[in-house]
Amino acid sequence: MTRPLASSVGLIFLLIGYTAAGPDSDLRPRAVRSTVCQEHVNLHTRLDIVEKKVEDTVENLETELAALLDAIEDPKWRPLLDNTGQKTVDILKDPEQRGQS
């Protein structure tokens, strides 16, 4: 069972609150609003261009990385990468300390 009185009172309070808030102070003239809208559209256009450039750059980097990985896995580099049974060399140590450890 609904309560028409309670919903009517709620609606009245809502209308009173809206009226008390007054007119929308952010209402701008049409020329200003269209300028703002055009700036907004221009910003989105620029962002779309930047997004496209980033996507193209990522695709190029993925292609280059795949080429580098293929080059590293080439048989002529295999002996350098195959260190089975060999002691690993820490390239960050000083050359004098490498011989000691």
PDB file of N, CA and C in Angstrom:
ATOM      1  N   MET A   1       0.842  -1.177   0.000  1.00  0.00           N
ATOM      2  CA  MET A   1       0.000   0.000   0.000  1.00  0.00           C
ATOM      3  C   MET A   1       0.889   1.244   0.000  1.00  0.00           C
ATOM      4  N   THR A   2       0.667   2.126  -0.923  1.00  0.00           N
ATOM      5  CA  THR A   2       1.473   3.342  -1.007  1.00  0.00           C
ATOM      6  C   THR A   2       0.860   4.444  -0.167  1.00  0.00           C
ATOM      7  N   ARG A   3       1.670   5.365   0.174  1.00  0.00           N
ATOM      8  CA  ARG A   3       1.211   6.488   0.981  1.00  0.00           C
ATOM      9  C   ARG A   3       1.255   7.744   0.122  1.00  0.00           C
ATOM     10  N   PRO A   4       0.151   8.153  -0.467  1.00  0.00           N
ATOM     11  CA  PRO A   4       0.162   9.317  -1.344  1.00  0.00           C
ATOM     12  C   PRO A   4       0.524  10.596  -0.607  1.00  0.00           C
ATOM     13  N   LEU A   5       0.165  10.699   0.665  1.00  0.00           N
ATOM     14  CA  LEU A   5       0.471  11.898   1.417  1.00  0.00           C
ATOM     15  C   LEU A   5       1.979  12.043   1.610  1.00  0.00           C
ATOM     16  N   ALA A   6       2.655  10.937   1.939  1.00  0.00           N
ATOM     17  CA  ALA A   6       4.098  10.989   2.170  1.00  0.00           C
ATOM     18  C   ALA A   6       4.842  11.327   0.884  1.00  0.00           C
ATOM     19  N   SER A   7       4.425  10.755  -0.238  1.00  0.00           N
ATOM     20  CA  SER A   7       5.104  11.064  -1.484  1.00  0.00           C
ATOM     21  C   SER A   7       4.818  12.489  -1.928  1.00  0.00           C
ATOM     22  N   SER A   8       3.627  12.991  -1.640  1.00  0.00           N
ATOM     23  CA  SER A   8       3.297  14.376  -1.985  1.00  0.00           C
ATOM     24  C   SER A   8       4.127  15.346  -1.160  1.00  0.00           C
ATOM     25  N   VAL A   9       4.286  15.044   0.119  1.00  0.00           N
ATOM     26  CA  VAL A   9       5.092  15.900   0.990  1.00  0.00           C
ATOM     27  C   VAL A   9       6.548  15.886   0.521  1.00  0.00           C
ATOM     28  N   GLY A  10       7.041  14.724   0.142  1.00  0.00           N
ATOM     29  CA  GLY A  10       8.422  14.629  -0.358  1.00  0.00           C
ATOM     30  C   GLY A  10       8.607  15.430  -1.628  1.00  0.00           C
ATOM     31  N   LEU A  11       7.633  15.383  -2.503  1.00  0.00           N
ATOM     32  CA  LEU A  11       7.699  16.141  -3.748  1.00  0.00           C
ATOM     33  C   LEU A  11       7.672  17.640  -3.479  1.00  0.00           C
ATOM     34  N   ILE A  12       6.850  18.044  -2.527  1.00  0.00           N
ATOM     35  CA  ILE A  12       6.781  19.466  -2.167  1.00  0.00           C
ATOM     36  C   ILE A  12       8.121  19.937  -1.611  1.00  0.00           C
ATOM     37  N   PHE A  13       8.734  19.136  -0.728  1.00  0.00           N
ATOM     38  CA  PHE A  13      10.045  19.507  -0.189  1.00  0.00           C
ATOM     39  C   PHE A  13      11.105  19.584  -1.286  1.00  0.00           C
ATOM     40  N   LEU A  14      11.046  18.678  -2.238  1.00  0.00           N
ATOM     41  CA  LEU A  14      11.980  18.692  -3.354  1.00  0.00           C
ATOM     42  C   LEU A  14      11.825  19.968  -4.177  1.00  0.00           C
ATOM     43  N   LEU A  15      10.589  20.350  -4.450  1.00  0.00           N
ATOM     44  CA  LEU A  15      10.341  21.575  -5.212  1.00  0.00           C
ATOM     45  C   LEU A  15      10.757  22.824  -4.439  1.00  0.00           C
ATOM     46  N   ILE A  16      10.520  22.819  -3.130  1.00  0.00           N
ATOM     47  CA  ILE A  16      10.943  23.960  -2.308  1.00  0.00           C
ATOM     48  C   ILE A  16      12.461  24.080  -2.317  1.00  0.00           C
ATOM     49  N   GLY A  17      13.153  22.953  -2.195  1.00  0.00           N
ATOM     50  CA  GLY A  17      14.619  22.983  -2.217  1.00  0.00           C
ATOM     51  C   GLY A  17      15.147  23.458  -3.553  1.00  0.00           C
ATOM     52  N   TYR A  18      14.529  23.034  -4.628  1.00  0.00           N
ATOM     53  CA  TYR A  18      14.967  23.461  -5.962  1.00  0.00           C
ATOM     54  C   TYR A  18      14.732  24.950  -6.157  1.00  0.00           C
ATOM     55  N   THR A  19      13.600  25.435  -5.675  1.00  0.00           N
ATOM     56  CA  THR A  19      13.279  26.850  -5.802  1.00  0.00           C
ATOM     57  C   THR A  19      14.206  27.689  -4.936  1.00  0.00           C
ATOM     58  N   ALA A  20      14.525  27.203  -3.733  1.00  0.00           N
ATOM     59  CA  ALA A  20      15.399  27.944  -2.834  1.00  0.00           C
ATOM     60  C   ALA A  20      16.816  28.026  -3.385  1.00  0.00           C
ATOM     61  N   ALA A  21      17.207  27.047  -4.163  1.00  0.00           N
ATOM     62  CA  ALA A  21      18.557  27.059  -4.721  1.00  0.00           C
ATOM     63  C   ALA A  21      18.727  28.179  -5.734  1.00  0.00           C
ATOM     64  N   GLY A  22      17.655  28.636  -6.319  1.00  0.00           N
ATOM     65  CA  GLY A  22      17.713  29.757  -7.247  1.00  0.00           C
ATOM     66  C   GLY A  22      18.054  29.293  -8.645  1.00  0.00           C
ATOM     67  N   PRO A  23      18.161  30.248  -9.548  1.00  0.00           N
ATOM     68  CA  PRO A  23      18.466  29.909 -10.944  1.00  0.00           C
ATOM     69  C   PRO A  23      19.892  29.405 -11.082  1.00  0.00           C
ATOM     70  N   ASP A  24      20.132  28.683 -12.142  1.00  0.00           N
ATOM     71  CA  ASP A  24      21.458  28.138 -12.410  1.00  0.00           C
ATOM     72  C   ASP A  24      22.412  29.282 -12.713  1.00  0.00           C
ATOM     73  N   SER A  25      23.391  29.486 -11.831  1.00  0.00           N
ATOM     74  CA  SER A  25      24.306  30.621 -11.988  1.00  0.00           C
ATOM     75  C   SER A  25      25.350  30.376 -13.075  1.00  0.00           C
ATOM     76  N   ASP A  26      25.456  29.135 -13.563  1.00  0.00           N
ATOM     77  CA  ASP A  26      26.470  28.813 -14.561  1.00  0.00           C
ATOM     78  C   ASP A  26      25.931  28.926 -15.984  1.00  0.00           C
ATOM     79  N   LEU A  27      24.761  29.542 -16.133  1.00  0.00           N
ATOM     80  CA  LEU A  27      24.173  29.682 -17.452  1.00  0.00           C
ATOM     81  C   LEU A  27      24.913  30.783 -18.191  1.00  0.00           C
ATOM     82  N   ARG A  28      25.534  30.428 -19.294  1.00  0.00           N
ATOM     83  CA  ARG A  28      26.341  31.374 -20.063  1.00  0.00           C
ATOM     84  C   ARG A  28      25.630  31.713 -21.362  1.00  0.00           C
ATOM     85  N   PRO A  29      25.998  32.833 -21.954  1.00  0.00           N
ATOM     86  CA  PRO A  29      25.422  33.164 -23.265  1.00  0.00           C
ATOM     87  C   PRO A  29      25.789  32.110 -24.296  1.00  0.00           C
ATOM     88  N   ARG A  30      24.983  32.009 -25.334  1.00  0.00           N
ATOM     89  CA  ARG A  30      25.169  30.982 -26.351  1.00  0.00           C
ATOM     90  C   ARG A  30      26.553  31.052 -26.994  1.00  0.00           C
ATOM     91  N   ALA A  31      27.054  32.251 -27.268  1.00  0.00           N
ATOM     92  CA  ALA A  31      28.368  32.399 -27.907  1.00  0.00           C
ATOM     93  C   ALA A  31      29.469  31.823 -27.018  1.00  0.00           C
ATOM     94  N   VAL A  32      29.370  32.075 -25.728  1.00  0.00           N
ATOM     95  CA  VAL A  32      30.383  31.565 -24.797  1.00  0.00           C
ATOM     96  C   VAL A  32      30.269  30.053 -24.692  1.00  0.00           C
ATOM     97  N   ARG A  33      29.036  29.531 -24.619  1.00  0.00           N
ATOM     98  CA  ARG A  33      28.855  28.084 -24.518  1.00  0.00           C
ATOM     99  C   ARG A  33      29.382  27.375 -25.756  1.00  0.00           C
ATOM    100  N   SER A  34      29.146  27.936 -26.936  1.00  0.00           N
ATOM    101  CA  SER A  34      29.627  27.280 -28.146  1.00  0.00           C
ATOM    102  C   SER A  34      31.147  27.311 -28.214  1.00  0.00           C
ATOM    103  N   THR A  35      31.768  28.391 -27.707  1.00  0.00           N
ATOM    104  CA  THR A  35      33.226  28.457 -27.667  1.00  0.00           C
ATOM    105  C   THR A  35      33.773  27.380 -26.737  1.00  0.00           C
ATOM    106  N   VAL A  36      33.130  27.237 -25.587  1.00  0.00           N
ATOM    107  CA  VAL A  36      33.567  26.220 -24.631  1.00  0.00           C
ATOM    108  C   VAL A  36      33.383  24.828 -25.238  1.00  0.00           C
ATOM    109  N   CYS A  37      32.275  24.621 -25.913  1.00  0.00           N
ATOM    110  CA  CYS A  37      32.033  23.319 -26.549  1.00  0.00           C
ATOM    111  C   CYS A  37      33.071  23.044 -27.632  1.00  0.00           C
ATOM    112  N   GLN A  38      33.411  24.074 -28.389  1.00  0.00           N
ATOM    113  CA  GLN A  38      34.409  23.894 -29.440  1.00  0.00           C
ATOM    114  C   GLN A  38      35.774  23.577 -28.839  1.00  0.00           C
ATOM    115  N   GLU A  39      36.127  24.232 -27.730  1.00  0.00           N
ATOM    116  CA  GLU A  39      37.386  23.925 -27.053  1.00  0.00           C
ATOM    117  C   GLU A  39      37.385  22.480 -26.564  1.00  0.00           C
ATOM    118  N   HIS A  40      36.249  22.042 -26.065  1.00  0.00           N
ATOM    119  CA  HIS A  40      36.117  20.662 -25.588  1.00  0.00           C
ATOM    120  C   HIS A  40      36.314  19.674 -26.747  1.00  0.00           C
ATOM    121  N   VAL A  41      35.695  19.967 -27.877  1.00  0.00           N
ATOM    122  CA  VAL A  41      35.833  19.113 -29.057  1.00  0.00           C
ATOM    123  C   VAL A  41      37.282  19.122 -29.538  1.00  0.00           C
ATOM    124  N   ASN A  42      37.911  20.298 -29.552  1.00  0.00           N
ATOM    125  CA  ASN A  42      39.317  20.398 -29.969  1.00  0.00           C
ATOM    126  C   ASN A  42      40.226  19.588 -29.047  1.00  0.00           C
ATOM    127  N   LEU A  43      39.953  19.648 -27.751  1.00  0.00           N
ATOM    128  CA  LEU A  43      40.747  18.883 -26.793  1.00  0.00           C
ATOM    129  C   LEU A  43      40.621  17.388 -27.058  1.00  0.00           C
ATOM    130  N   HIS A  44      39.403  16.919 -27.305  1.00  0.00           N
ATOM    131  CA  HIS A  44      39.215  15.496 -27.592  1.00  0.00           C
ATOM    132  C   HIS A  44      39.881  15.099 -28.906  1.00  0.00           C
ATOM    133  N   THR A  45      39.863  15.988 -29.878  1.00  0.00           N
ATOM    134  CA  THR A  45      40.536  15.700 -31.144  1.00  0.00           C
ATOM    135  C   THR A  45      42.033  15.562 -30.926  1.00  0.00           C
ATOM    136  N   ARG A  46      42.607  16.471 -30.158  1.00  0.00           N
ATOM    137  CA  ARG A  46      44.043  16.391 -29.866  1.00  0.00           C
ATOM    138  C   ARG A  46      44.380  15.136 -29.088  1.00  0.00           C
ATOM    139  N   LEU A  47      43.525  14.779 -28.121  1.00  0.00           N
ATOM    140  CA  LEU A  47      43.759  13.554 -27.354  1.00  0.00           C
ATOM    141  C   LEU A  47      43.680  12.322 -28.241  1.00  0.00           C
ATOM    142  N   ASP A  48      42.772  12.323 -29.209  1.00  0.00           N
ATOM    143  CA  ASP A  48      42.680  11.202 -30.145  1.00  0.00           C
ATOM    144  C   ASP A  48      43.956  11.081 -30.975  1.00  0.00           C
ATOM    145  N   ILE A  49      44.516  12.228 -31.379  1.00  0.00           N
ATOM    146  CA  ILE A  49      45.762  12.212 -32.160  1.00  0.00           C
ATOM    147  C   ILE A  49      46.904  11.663 -31.317  1.00  0.00           C
ATOM    148  N   VAL A  50      46.990  12.107 -30.067  1.00  0.00           N
ATOM    149  CA  VAL A  50      48.048  11.620 -29.169  1.00  0.00           C
ATOM    150  C   VAL A  50      47.884  10.126 -28.936  1.00  0.00           C
ATOM    151  N   GLU A  51      46.652   9.674 -28.722  1.00  0.00           N
ATOM    152  CA  GLU A  51      46.407   8.244 -28.511  1.00  0.00           C
ATOM    153  C   GLU A  51      46.844   7.430 -29.725  1.00  0.00           C
ATOM    154  N   LYS A  52      46.558   7.915 -30.923  1.00  0.00           N
ATOM    155  CA  LYS A  52      46.951   7.221 -32.152  1.00  0.00           C
ATOM    156  C   LYS A  52      48.470   7.141 -32.259  1.00  0.00           C
ATOM    157  N   LYS A  53      49.159   8.254 -31.924  1.00  0.00           N
ATOM    158  CA  LYS A  53      50.626   8.253 -31.979  1.00  0.00           C
ATOM    159  C   LYS A  53      51.213   7.273 -30.972  1.00  0.00           C
ATOM    160  N   VAL A  54      50.628   7.210 -29.776  1.00  0.00           N
ATOM    161  CA  VAL A  54      51.115   6.278 -28.750  1.00  0.00           C
ATOM    162  C   VAL A  54      50.914   4.840 -29.223  1.00  0.00           C
ATOM    163  N   GLU A  55      49.740   4.552 -29.795  1.00  0.00           N
ATOM    164  CA  GLU A  55      49.482   3.195 -30.291  1.00  0.00           C
ATOM    165  C   GLU A  55      50.459   2.824 -31.403  1.00  0.00           C
ATOM    166  N   ASP A  56      50.744   3.767 -32.317  1.00  0.00           N
ATOM    167  CA  ASP A  56      51.703   3.497 -33.388  1.00  0.00           C
ATOM    168  C   ASP A  56      53.100   3.251 -32.822  1.00  0.00           C
ATOM    169  N   THR A  57      53.488   4.039 -31.830  1.00  0.00           N
ATOM    170  CA  THR A  57      54.804   3.868 -31.214  1.00  0.00           C
ATOM    171  C   THR A  57      54.910   2.509 -30.533  1.00  0.00           C
ATOM    172  N   VAL A  58      53.867   2.103 -29.826  1.00  0.00           N
ATOM    173  CA  VAL A  58      53.879   0.798 -29.151  1.00  0.00           C
ATOM    174  C   VAL A  58      53.983  -0.323 -30.185  1.00  0.00           C
ATOM    175  N   GLU A  59      53.256  -0.198 -31.277  1.00  0.00           N
ATOM    176  CA  GLU A  59      53.335  -1.219 -32.324  1.00  0.00           C
ATOM    177  C   GLU A  59      54.749  -1.290 -32.905  1.00  0.00           C
ATOM    178  N   ASN A  60      55.372  -0.125 -33.149  1.00  0.00           N
ATOM    179  CA  ASN A  60      56.744  -0.114 -33.663  1.00  0.00           C
ATOM    180  C   ASN A  60      57.713  -0.744 -32.668  1.00  0.00           C
ATOM    181  N   LEU A  61      57.543  -0.432 -31.394  1.00  0.00           N
ATOM    182  CA  LEU A  61      58.429  -1.013 -30.377  1.00  0.00           C
ATOM    183  C   LEU A  61      58.236  -2.521 -30.278  1.00  0.00           C
ATOM    184  N   GLU A  62      57.017  -2.987 -30.396  1.00  0.00           N
ATOM    185  CA  GLU A  62      56.780  -4.434 -30.365  1.00  0.00           C
ATOM    186  C   GLU A  62      57.455  -5.110 -31.549  1.00  0.00           C
ATOM    187  N   THR A  63      57.392  -4.482 -32.715  1.00  0.00           N
ATOM    188  CA  THR A  63      58.037  -5.038 -33.906  1.00  0.00           C
ATOM    189  C   THR A  63      59.551  -5.089 -33.726  1.00  0.00           C
ATOM    190  N   GLU A  64      60.125  -3.991 -33.221  1.00  0.00           N
ATOM    191  CA  GLU A  64      61.571  -3.953 -33.002  1.00  0.00           C
ATOM    192  C   GLU A  64      62.005  -4.958 -31.947  1.00  0.00           C
ATOM    193  N   LEU A  65      61.210  -5.099 -30.889  1.00  0.00           N
ATOM    194  CA  LEU A  65      61.543  -6.068 -29.844  1.00  0.00           C
ATOM    195  C   LEU A  65      61.504  -7.489 -30.385  1.00  0.00           C
ATOM    196  N   ALA A  66      60.509  -7.786 -31.201  1.00  0.00           N
ATOM    197  CA  ALA A  66      60.434  -9.121 -31.803  1.00  0.00           C
ATOM    198  C   ALA A  66      61.649  -9.375 -32.690  1.00  0.00           C
ATOM    199  N   ALA A  67      62.079  -8.357 -33.454  1.00  0.00           N
ATOM    200  CA  ALA A  67      63.259  -8.503 -34.303  1.00  0.00           C
ATOM    201  C   ALA A  67      64.512  -8.719 -33.460  1.00  0.00           C
ATOM    202  N   LEU A  68      64.630  -7.979 -32.358  1.00  0.00           N
ATOM    203  CA  LEU A  68      65.791  -8.159 -31.475  1.00  0.00           C
ATOM    204  C   LEU A  68      65.809  -9.549 -30.845  1.00  0.00           C
ATOM    205  N   LEU A  69      64.657 -10.017 -30.404  1.00  0.00           N
ATOM    206  CA  LEU A  69      64.601 -11.358 -29.815  1.00  0.00           C
ATOM    207  C   LEU A  69      64.943 -12.426 -30.842  1.00  0.00           C
ATOM    208  N   ASP A  70      64.490 -12.245 -32.073  1.00  0.00           N
ATOM    209  CA  ASP A  70      64.854 -13.192 -33.130  1.00  0.00           C
ATOM    210  C   ASP A  70      66.357 -13.164 -33.390  1.00  0.00           C
ATOM    211  N   ALA A  71      66.944 -11.963 -33.353  1.00  0.00           N
ATOM    212  CA  ALA A  71      68.385 -11.850 -33.585  1.00  0.00           C
ATOM    213  C   ALA A  71      69.172 -12.506 -32.459  1.00  0.00           C
ATOM    214  N   ILE A  72      68.695 -12.354 -31.228  1.00  0.00           N
ATOM    215  CA  ILE A  72      69.394 -12.954 -30.085  1.00  0.00           C
ATOM    216  C   ILE A  72      69.307 -14.468 -30.140  1.00  0.00           C
ATOM    217  N   GLU A  73      68.193 -14.996 -30.592  1.00  0.00           N
ATOM    218  CA  GLU A  73      68.021 -16.440 -30.653  1.00  0.00           C
ATOM    219  C   GLU A  73      68.677 -17.052 -31.885  1.00  0.00           C
ATOM    220  N   ASP A  74      69.326 -16.235 -32.698  1.00  0.00           N
ATOM    221  CA  ASP A  74      70.018 -16.707 -33.888  1.00  0.00           C
ATOM    222  C   ASP A  74      71.139 -17.669 -33.461  1.00  0.00           C
ATOM    223  N   PRO A  75      71.400 -18.718 -34.231  1.00  0.00           N
ATOM    224  CA  PRO A  75      72.411 -19.715 -33.845  1.00  0.00           C
ATOM    225  C   PRO A  75      73.809 -19.135 -33.596  1.00  0.00           C
ATOM    226  N   LYS A  76      74.175 -18.062 -34.269  1.00  0.00           N
ATOM    227  CA  LYS A  76      75.530 -17.527 -34.036  1.00  0.00           C
ATOM    228  C   LYS A  76      75.671 -16.901 -32.649  1.00  0.00           C
ATOM    229  N   TRP A  77      74.578 -16.525 -32.004  1.00  0.00           N
ATOM    230  CA  TRP A  77      74.628 -15.988 -30.645  1.00  0.00           C
ATOM    231  C   TRP A  77      74.394 -17.070 -29.593  1.00  0.00           C
ATOM    232  N   ARG A  78      73.965 -18.240 -29.995  1.00  0.00           N
ATOM    233  CA  ARG A  78      73.621 -19.304 -29.060  1.00  0.00           C
ATOM    234  C   ARG A  78      74.768 -19.635 -28.089  1.00  0.00           C
ATOM    235  N   PRO A  79      76.022 -19.751 -28.546  1.00  0.00           N
ATOM    236  CA  PRO A  79      77.093 -20.079 -27.581  1.00  0.00           C
ATOM    237  C   PRO A  79      77.256 -19.019 -26.498  1.00  0.00           C
ATOM    238  N   LEU A  80      76.990 -17.773 -26.812  1.00  0.00           N
ATOM    239  CA  LEU A  80      77.114 -16.726 -25.793  1.00  0.00           C
ATOM    240  C   LEU A  80      76.010 -16.808 -24.747  1.00  0.00           C
ATOM    241  N   LEU A  81      74.852 -17.281 -25.164  1.00  0.00           N
ATOM    242  CA  LEU A  81      73.731 -17.368 -24.235  1.00  0.00           C
ATOM    243  C   LEU A  81      73.684 -18.680 -23.481  1.00  0.00           C
ATOM    244  N   ASP A  82      74.316 -19.712 -24.023  1.00  0.00           N
ATOM    245  CA  ASP A  82      74.295 -21.015 -23.386  1.00  0.00           C
ATOM    246  C   ASP A  82      75.407 -21.074 -22.345  1.00  0.00           C
ATOM    247  N   ASN A  83      75.044 -20.987 -21.087  1.00  0.00           N
ATOM    248  CA  ASN A  83      76.052 -20.996 -20.016  1.00  0.00           C
ATOM    249  C   ASN A  83      75.880 -22.207 -19.113  1.00  0.00           C
ATOM    250  N   THR A  84      75.478 -23.334 -19.673  1.00  0.00           N
ATOM    251  CA  THR A  84      75.306 -24.534 -18.881  1.00  0.00           C
ATOM    252  C   THR A  84      76.670 -24.993 -18.364  1.00  0.00           C
ATOM    253  N   GLY A  85      76.736 -25.175 -17.079  1.00  0.00           N
ATOM    254  CA  GLY A  85      77.968 -25.656 -16.477  1.00  0.00           C
ATOM    255  C   GLY A  85      79.025 -24.579 -16.312  1.00  0.00           C
ATOM    256  N   GLN A  86      78.755 -23.384 -16.736  1.00  0.00           N
ATOM    257  CA  GLN A  86      79.739 -22.307 -16.581  1.00  0.00           C
ATOM    258  C   GLN A  86      79.342 -21.426 -15.409  1.00  0.00           C
ATOM    259  N   LYS A  87      80.359 -20.821 -14.838  1.00  0.00           N
ATOM    260  CA  LYS A  87      80.138 -19.907 -13.737  1.00  0.00           C
ATOM    261  C   LYS A  87      79.621 -18.578 -14.301  1.00  0.00           C
ATOM    262  N   THR A  88      78.590 -18.026 -13.685  1.00  0.00           N
ATOM    263  CA  THR A  88      78.068 -16.757 -14.171  1.00  0.00           C
ATOM    264  C   THR A  88      78.996 -15.626 -13.761  1.00  0.00           C
ATOM    265  N   VAL A  89      79.059 -14.622 -14.596  1.00  0.00           N
ATOM    266  CA  VAL A  89      79.930 -13.478 -14.345  1.00  0.00           C
ATOM    267  C   VAL A  89      79.056 -12.293 -13.978  1.00  0.00           C
ATOM    268  N   ASP A  90      79.390 -11.668 -12.854  1.00  0.00           N
ATOM    269  CA  ASP A  90      78.679 -10.473 -12.429  1.00  0.00           C
ATOM    270  C   ASP A  90      79.381  -9.278 -13.053  1.00  0.00           C
ATOM    271  N   ILE A  91      78.758  -8.656 -14.002  1.00  0.00           N
ATOM    272  CA  ILE A  91      79.416  -7.566 -14.726  1.00  0.00           C
ATOM    273  C   ILE A  91      79.488  -6.292 -13.905  1.00  0.00           C
ATOM    274  N   LEU A  92      78.793  -6.248 -12.761  1.00  0.00           N
ATOM    275  CA  LEU A  92      78.832  -5.059 -11.924  1.00  0.00           C
ATOM    276  C   LEU A  92      80.011  -5.061 -10.956  1.00  0.00           C
ATOM    277  N   LYS A  93      80.667  -6.188 -10.787  1.00  0.00           N
ATOM    278  CA  LYS A  93      81.822  -6.255  -9.900  1.00  0.00           C
ATOM    279  C   LYS A  93      83.043  -5.667 -10.595  1.00  0.00           C
ATOM    280  N   ASP A  94      83.983  -5.216  -9.792  1.00  0.00           N
ATOM    281  CA  ASP A  94      85.254  -4.754 -10.343  1.00  0.00           C
ATOM    282  C   ASP A  94      85.990  -5.944 -10.939  1.00  0.00           C
ATOM    283  N   PRO A  95      86.782  -5.732 -11.986  1.00  0.00           N
ATOM    284  CA  PRO A  95      87.503  -6.856 -12.587  1.00  0.00           C
ATOM    285  C   PRO A  95      88.410  -7.595 -11.601  1.00  0.00           C
ATOM    286  N   GLU A  96      88.991  -6.880 -10.634  1.00  0.00           N
ATOM    287  CA  GLU A  96      89.859  -7.554  -9.652  1.00  0.00           C
ATOM    288  C   GLU A  96      89.053  -8.479  -8.754  1.00  0.00           C
ATOM    289  N   GLN A  97      87.803  -8.088  -8.433  1.00  0.00           N
ATOM    290  CA  GLN A  97      86.976  -8.905  -7.547  1.00  0.00           C
ATOM    291  C   GLN A  97      86.381 -10.111  -8.273  1.00  0.00           C
ATOM    292  N   ARG A  98      86.273 -10.053  -9.596  1.00  0.00           N
ATOM    293  CA  ARG A  98      85.707 -11.161 -10.349  1.00  0.00           C
ATOM    294  C   ARG A  98      86.574 -12.400 -10.251  1.00  0.00           C
ATOM    295  N   GLY A  99      87.871 -12.218 -10.267  1.00  0.00           N
ATOM    296  CA  GLY A  99      88.781 -13.354 -10.208  1.00  0.00           C
ATOM    297  C   GLY A  99      88.802 -13.994  -8.823  1.00  0.00           C
ATOM    298  N   GLN A 100      88.478 -13.233  -7.784  1.00  0.00           N
ATOM    299  CA  GLN A 100      88.546 -13.749  -6.414  1.00  0.00           C
ATOM    300  C   GLN A 100      87.344 -14.614  -6.059  1.00  0.00           C
ATOM    301  N   SER A 101      86.183 -14.351  -6.623  1.00  0.00           N
ATOM    302  CA  SER A 101      84.993 -15.112  -6.211  1.00  0.00           C
ATOM    303  C   SER A 101      84.774 -16.327  -7.069  1.00  0.00           C
TER     304      SER A 101
END
